[in-house]
Protein backbone atom coordinates (compact mmCIF):
# COMPACT_ATOMS: atom_id res chain seq x y z
CA MET A 1 0.00 0.00 0.00
CA GLY A 2 2.81 2.41 0.82
CA ALA A 3 4.41 1.93 -2.60
CA GLN A 4 1.08 2.56 -4.34
CA LEU A 5 0.56 5.76 -2.37
CA ARG A 6 4.01 7.00 -3.38
CA VAL A 7 3.15 6.34 -7.04
CA TYR A 8 -0.03 8.41 -6.76
CA LYS A 9 1.85 11.27 -5.08
CA ARG A 10 4.48 11.30 -7.83
CA ARG A 11 1.80 11.40 -10.52
CA ILE A 12 -0.03 14.22 -8.75
CA LYS A 13 3.20 16.20 -8.56
CA SER A 14 3.94 15.60 -12.25
CA VAL A 15 0.42 16.54 -13.41
CA THR A 16 0.49 19.67 -11.21
CA ALA A 17 3.73 20.80 -12.89
CA THR A 18 2.20 20.17 -16.32
CA LYS A 19 -0.89 22.13 -15.32
CA LYS A 20 1.24 25.14 -14.41
CA ILE A 21 2.87 25.05 -17.85
CA THR A 22 -0.40 24.75 -19.78
CA LYS A 23 -1.99 27.51 -17.68
CA ALA A 24 0.94 29.82 -18.42
CA MET A 25 0.74 29.06 -22.15
CA GLU A 26 -3.01 29.69 -22.07
CA MET A 27 -2.49 33.12 -20.50
CA ILE A 28 0.28 34.01 -22.98
CA ALA A 29 -1.90 33.04 -25.95
CA ALA A 30 -4.83 35.02 -24.52
CA SER A 31 -2.66 38.13 -24.18
CA ARG A 32 -1.43 37.85 -27.77
CA ILE A 33 -4.87 37.38 -29.29
CA VAL A 34 -5.87 40.99 -28.52
CA LYS A 35 -2.90 42.40 -30.44
CA ALA A 36 -3.47 39.98 -33.32
CA GLN A 37 -7.14 40.97 -33.55
CA ARG A 38 -6.22 44.65 -33.71
CA GLN A 39 -3.74 43.98 -36.51
CA VAL A 40 -6.36 42.03 -38.48
CA ALA A 41 -8.90 44.82 -38.03
CA ALA A 42 -6.33 47.41 -39.15
CA SER A 43 -5.13 45.53 -42.24
CA THR A 44 -8.46 44.26 -43.60
CA PRO A 45 -9.81 47.66 -44.81
CA TYR A 46 -6.53 48.39 -46.62
CA ALA A 47 -6.55 45.00 -48.36
CA SER A 48 -10.22 45.40 -49.31
CA GLU A 49 -9.79 48.91 -50.72
CA LEU A 50 -6.67 47.95 -52.62
CA THR A 51 -8.59 45.06 -54.14
CA ARG A 52 -11.32 47.50 -55.17
CA ALA A 53 -8.73 49.80 -56.73
CA VAL A 54 -7.15 47.00 -58.75
CA THR A 55 -10.59 45.83 -59.83
CA ALA A 56 -11.53 49.35 -60.91
CA VAL A 57 -8.42 49.61 -63.06
CA ALA A 58 -8.98 46.18 -64.57
CA THR A 59 -12.67 46.76 -65.34
CA GLY A 60 -12.14 50.34 -66.52
CA SER A 61 -9.62 49.41 -69.18
CA THR A 62 -9.33 47.00 -72.07
CA THR A 63 -5.75 46.09 -71.26
CA LYS A 64 -5.04 42.37 -71.15
CA HIS A 65 -2.67 42.22 -68.25
CA ALA A 66 -0.95 38.98 -67.31
CA LEU A 67 -2.10 39.25 -63.69
CA THR A 68 -5.79 39.90 -64.44
CA THR A 69 -6.36 37.85 -67.59
CA GLU A 70 -7.15 34.17 -67.21
CA ALA A 71 -5.26 31.73 -69.41
CA GLU A 72 -7.36 29.91 -71.99
CA ASN A 73 -5.97 26.55 -70.94
CA PRO A 74 -4.33 26.86 -67.50
CA VAL A 75 -1.83 24.09 -66.91
CA ARG A 76 -0.14 25.00 -63.64
CA ALA A 77 -1.28 26.55 -60.35
CA ALA A 78 0.62 27.72 -57.29
CA VAL A 79 -0.76 27.03 -53.81
CA LEU A 80 0.52 28.99 -50.80
CA LEU A 81 -0.19 27.12 -47.55
CA VAL A 82 -0.02 29.00 -44.24
CA THR A 83 0.61 26.87 -41.12
CA SER A 84 2.29 27.52 -37.76
CA ASP A 85 5.88 27.30 -36.57
CA ARG A 86 4.93 25.85 -33.19
CA GLY A 87 2.62 23.10 -32.02
CA LEU A 88 0.28 22.78 -29.03
CA ALA A 89 -2.49 24.51 -30.98
CA GLY A 90 -4.93 21.65 -31.39
CA GLY A 91 -5.89 20.92 -34.97
CA TYR A 92 -4.93 24.35 -36.31
CA SER A 93 -2.15 23.30 -38.69
CA SER A 94 -3.63 19.91 -39.57
CA ASN A 95 -6.92 21.53 -40.62
CA ALA A 96 -5.10 23.99 -42.88
CA ILE A 97 -3.07 21.15 -44.40
CA LYS A 98 -6.25 19.17 -45.07
CA ALA A 99 -7.78 22.19 -46.82
CA ALA A 100 -4.64 22.56 -48.95
CA GLU A 101 -4.73 18.88 -49.89
CA ALA A 102 -8.39 19.15 -50.87
CA LEU A 103 -7.60 22.20 -53.04
CA THR A 104 -4.64 20.37 -54.61
CA GLU A 105 -6.81 17.38 -55.49
CA ARG A 106 -9.43 19.67 -57.02
CA LEU A 107 -6.86 21.50 -59.14
CA ARG A 108 -5.32 18.25 -60.31
CA ALA A 109 -8.75 16.95 -61.21
CA GLU A 110 -9.05 20.01 -63.48
CA GLY A 111 -5.85 18.91 -65.24
CA LYS A 112 -3.48 21.40 -63.59
CA ASP A 113 -0.06 20.75 -62.11
CA VAL A 114 0.29 22.14 -58.58
CA VAL A 115 3.34 23.96 -57.23
CA THR A 116 3.33 24.21 -53.44
CA TYR A 117 4.70 27.06 -51.34
CA ILE A 118 4.59 26.75 -47.55
CA VAL A 119 4.68 29.13 -44.58
CA GLY A 120 5.37 27.57 -41.17
CA ARG A 121 7.48 24.70 -39.85
CA LYS A 122 4.48 22.41 -39.36
CA GLY A 123 3.60 22.45 -43.04
CA VAL A 124 7.26 22.08 -44.04
CA ALA A 125 7.65 19.09 -41.72
CA TYR A 126 4.44 17.48 -43.03
CA TYR A 127 5.49 17.71 -46.67
CA GLY A 128 9.10 16.84 -45.89
CA PHE A 129 8.16 13.67 -44.00
CA ARG A 130 6.07 12.53 -46.98
CA GLU A 131 8.80 13.57 -49.42
CA ARG A 132 6.48 15.89 -51.34
CA PRO A 133 8.09 18.63 -53.44
CA VAL A 134 7.95 22.20 -52.12
CA ALA A 135 8.98 25.08 -54.37
CA GLU A 136 9.85 27.43 -51.50
CA SER A 137 9.16 27.79 -47.79
CA TRP A 138 9.32 30.47 -45.09
CA THR A 139 9.46 29.93 -41.31
CA GLY A 140 10.08 31.76 -38.06
CA PHE A 141 7.41 34.47 -38.01
CA THR A 142 3.94 32.86 -38.07
CA ASP A 143 2.92 33.99 -34.57
CA SER A 144 3.85 37.63 -35.25
CA PRO A 145 4.13 38.37 -38.99
CA ALA A 146 5.30 41.69 -40.39
CA TYR A 147 4.60 43.32 -43.74
CA ALA A 148 8.20 42.63 -44.73
CA ASP A 149 7.48 38.91 -44.37
CA ALA A 150 4.48 39.20 -46.71
CA LYS A 151 6.58 41.12 -49.21
CA ARG A 152 9.28 38.48 -49.07
CA ILE A 153 6.69 35.77 -49.75
CA ALA A 154 4.93 37.69 -52.52
CA GLY A 155 8.11 38.27 -54.55
CA PRO A 156 8.70 34.73 -55.88
CA LEU A 157 4.95 34.14 -56.26
CA ILE A 158 4.50 37.19 -58.51
CA GLU A 159 7.56 36.17 -60.50
CA ALA A 160 6.08 32.70 -60.99
CA VAL A 161 2.80 34.20 -62.25
CA GLN A 162 4.59 36.57 -64.65
CA ARG A 163 6.84 33.81 -65.99
CA ASP A 164 5.68 31.71 -68.93
CA THR A 165 4.45 28.24 -68.03
CA ALA A 166 6.94 26.70 -70.44
CA GLU A 167 9.69 28.17 -68.26
CA GLY A 168 8.20 26.92 -64.99
CA GLY A 169 5.67 29.70 -64.40
CA VAL A 170 2.10 29.32 -63.15
CA ASP A 171 -1.29 30.43 -64.47
CA GLU A 172 -3.05 30.76 -61.09
CA LEU A 173 -2.18 31.67 -57.51
CA HIS A 174 -4.17 30.27 -54.59
CA ILE A 175 -3.70 30.77 -50.86
CA VAL A 176 -4.85 28.49 -48.02
CA PHE A 177 -4.99 29.95 -44.52
CA THR A 178 -7.13 29.89 -41.38
CA GLU A 179 -9.63 32.72 -41.22
CA PHE A 180 -10.28 34.22 -37.79
CA ALA A 181 -14.02 34.54 -37.19
CA SER A 182 -14.13 34.66 -33.38
CA MET A 183 -12.37 33.35 -30.29
CA MET A 184 -14.16 30.02 -30.74
CA THR A 185 -14.35 29.80 -34.53
CA GLN A 186 -11.41 29.63 -36.93
CA THR A 187 -12.07 28.23 -40.40
CA PRO A 188 -9.53 27.06 -43.02
CA VAL A 189 -10.29 28.76 -46.35
CA ASP A 190 -8.77 28.75 -49.83
CA ASN A 191 -8.88 31.86 -52.02
CA ARG A 192 -7.66 32.50 -55.53
CA LEU A 193 -5.53 35.63 -55.56
CA LEU A 194 -4.54 35.66 -59.22
CA PRO A 195 -5.89 36.09 -61.79
CA LEU A 196 -8.32 38.45 -60.12
CA SER A 197 -11.91 37.25 -60.41
CA LEU A 198 -13.51 40.37 -61.84
CA GLU A 199 -16.98 38.88 -62.08
CA LYS A 200 -17.08 38.56 -58.27
CA ALA A 201 -15.48 41.88 -57.47
CA PRO A 202 -17.48 44.36 -55.38
CA VAL A 203 -16.78 47.28 -57.71
CA GLU A 204 -18.37 45.54 -60.66
CA GLN A 205 -21.32 44.43 -58.57
CA GLU A 206 -21.95 48.01 -57.51
CA ALA A 207 -21.52 49.25 -61.07
CA GLY A 208 -24.07 46.73 -62.28
CA ALA A 209 -26.65 47.78 -59.72
CA PRO A 210 -29.77 49.64 -60.91
CA GLY A 211 -29.14 53.34 -61.35
CA ARG A 212 -25.34 53.03 -61.17
CA ILE A 213 -23.17 54.17 -64.08
CA MET A 214 -19.79 52.64 -64.78
CA PRO A 215 -17.08 55.25 -64.08
CA LEU A 216 -14.69 56.30 -66.81
CA PHE A 217 -10.97 56.34 -66.08
CA ASP A 218 -7.99 58.00 -67.69
CA PHE A 219 -4.74 56.20 -66.96
CA GLU A 220 -1.36 57.86 -66.75
CA PRO A 221 1.05 56.72 -68.08
CA SER A 222 -1.08 53.69 -69.13
CA ALA A 223 -3.49 51.13 -67.73
CA GLU A 224 -0.80 48.47 -67.97
CA GLY A 225 1.62 50.67 -66.05
CA VAL A 226 -0.95 51.25 -63.32
CA LEU A 227 -1.63 47.51 -63.08
CA ASP A 228 2.09 46.80 -62.91
CA ALA A 229 2.32 49.14 -59.92
CA LEU A 230 -0.90 48.09 -58.15
CA LEU A 231 -0.97 44.33 -58.48
CA PRO A 232 2.22 43.55 -56.53
CA ARG A 233 0.85 45.70 -53.70
CA TYR A 234 -2.44 43.85 -54.00
CA VAL A 235 -0.75 40.45 -53.62
CA GLU A 236 1.40 41.66 -50.72
CA SER A 237 -1.57 43.14 -48.86
CA ARG A 238 -3.70 40.03 -49.32
CA ILE A 239 -0.89 37.76 -48.15
CA TYR A 240 -0.20 40.04 -45.17
CA ASN A 241 -3.86 40.00 -44.18
CA ALA A 242 -3.91 36.20 -44.51
CA LEU A 243 -0.81 35.94 -42.29
CA LEU A 244 -2.44 38.14 -39.65
CA GLN A 245 -5.68 36.15 -39.81
CA ALA A 246 -3.67 32.94 -39.44
CA ALA A 247 -1.69 34.34 -36.49
CA ALA A 248 -4.87 35.34 -34.65
CA SER A 249 -6.36 31.92 -35.39
CA GLU A 250 -3.21 30.20 -34.12
CA HIS A 251 -3.29 32.09 -30.82
CA ALA A 252 -7.00 31.39 -30.37
CA ALA A 253 -6.52 27.69 -31.16
CA ARG A 254 -3.56 27.44 -28.76
CA ARG A 255 -5.48 29.20 -26.00
CA ARG A 256 -8.40 26.80 -26.45
CA ALA A 257 -6.11 23.75 -26.54
CA MET A 258 -4.18 24.85 -23.44
CA LYS A 259 -7.39 25.60 -21.55
CA SER A 260 -8.63 22.12 -22.37
CA ALA A 261 -5.31 20.65 -21.22
CA THR A 262 -5.47 22.63 -17.97
CA ASP A 263 -9.03 21.49 -17.28
CA ASN A 264 -8.08 17.88 -17.99
CA ALA A 265 -5.10 18.21 -15.64
CA GLU A 266 -7.38 19.48 -12.89
CA GLU A 267 -9.73 16.53 -13.36
CA LEU A 268 -6.81 14.11 -13.34
CA ILE A 269 -5.43 15.65 -10.14
CA LYS A 270 -8.84 15.24 -8.47
CA SER A 271 -9.05 11.62 -9.60
CA LEU A 272 -5.52 10.83 -8.44
CA SER A 273 -6.18 12.58 -5.11
CA ARG A 274 -9.22 10.37 -4.52
CA LEU A 275 -7.18 7.27 -5.34
CA ALA A 276 -4.38 8.43 -3.06
CA ASN A 277 -6.84 9.06 -0.21
CA ALA A 278 -8.36 5.63 -0.74
CA ALA A 279 -4.90 4.04 -0.68
CA ARG A 280 -4.01 5.96 2.48
CA GLN A 281 -7.24 4.89 4.19
CA ALA A 282 -6.65 1.28 3.15
CA GLU A 283 -3.13 1.46 4.56
CA ILE A 284 -4.36 2.92 7.85
CA THR A 285 -7.12 0.31 8.05
CA GLN A 286 -4.61 -2.47 7.45
CA GLU A 287 -2.29 -1.10 10.13
CA ILE A 288 -5.17 -0.85 12.63
CA SER A 289 -6.23 -4.39 11.78
CA GLU A 290 -2.68 -5.64 12.33
CA ILE A 291 -2.44 -3.82 15.65
CA VAL A 292 -5.81 -5.14 16.82
CA GLY A 293 -4.94 -8.61 15.61
CA GLY A 294 -1.58 -8.50 17.36
CA ALA A 295 -3.14 -7.25 20.60
CA SER A 296 -5.81 -9.96 20.44
CA ALA A 297 -3.20 -12.66 19.85
CA LEU A 298 -1.11 -11.33 22.73
CA ALA A 299 -4.15 -11.33 25.00
CA ASP A 300 -5.00 -14.90 24.03
CA ALA A 301 -1.42 -15.98 24.66
CA THR A 302 -1.41 -14.30 28.09
CA ALA A 303 -4.72 -15.92 29.04
CA GLY A 304 -3.41 -19.36 28.02
CA SER A 305 -0.28 -19.00 30.11
CA ASP A 306 -2.32 -18.05 33.18
CA ASN A 307 -4.40 -21.20 32.85
């Protein structure tokens, strides 16, 4: 009984130490979510308005720009997958990877080759373990991305879109990330960044509304020059917003996972404490029984000697 009690005490001590760690990680994640939410709220209007500006230029001109004109027979697509650098965030990274795999299967079913770009060590490790080719990867900033990180990612992607497919270029650019809806809801989504889907753009929808007249634009020096200047900024802003959304989602997922781990640790400590108390009571009962039995045997022996 004594050995069993010592085992329970060691387990309680170990689980208590783990609980302290998970509680600290939960509090850290909760403190970072607020900043991440503010960054998302600050970047989303800029990304939306820049998208509207690019759409206005594209719809207000007859220029066939490489970044807004769909290929007649697209043969290759690039997929940018955003995961996390660290674990202990529940199913955050695995859900994003599943969404990327579903998108890849859909693109391949359409007859397109898929070139994969990855952000985050979890995605890199997943593809590396399965020996799947990755064109380029970026790590080390997923929990706190900066605009410079988005610009660094956008550079090779834009080059791939501008390059001819015969030389290894791509016809489409897709991004898979986790969209932050609330503290309890984070949803993996896949969006096509390029070519820009003009038929779904808000500017064209407004222009097609009853009573609205399509605006006329004069471009200086040219519509193609304006698109050349705007579209890289458009890609950078959309990637930056996706990175911020993913960072907020990662912190929320980690907070939820650590809270669940802390609650489970508390339940396990209560269960182990009950088992330890039961073992202690059994040990005390056994000792009392031995004492009573020894005293009774001694009394019997004394009574026999007197007779």
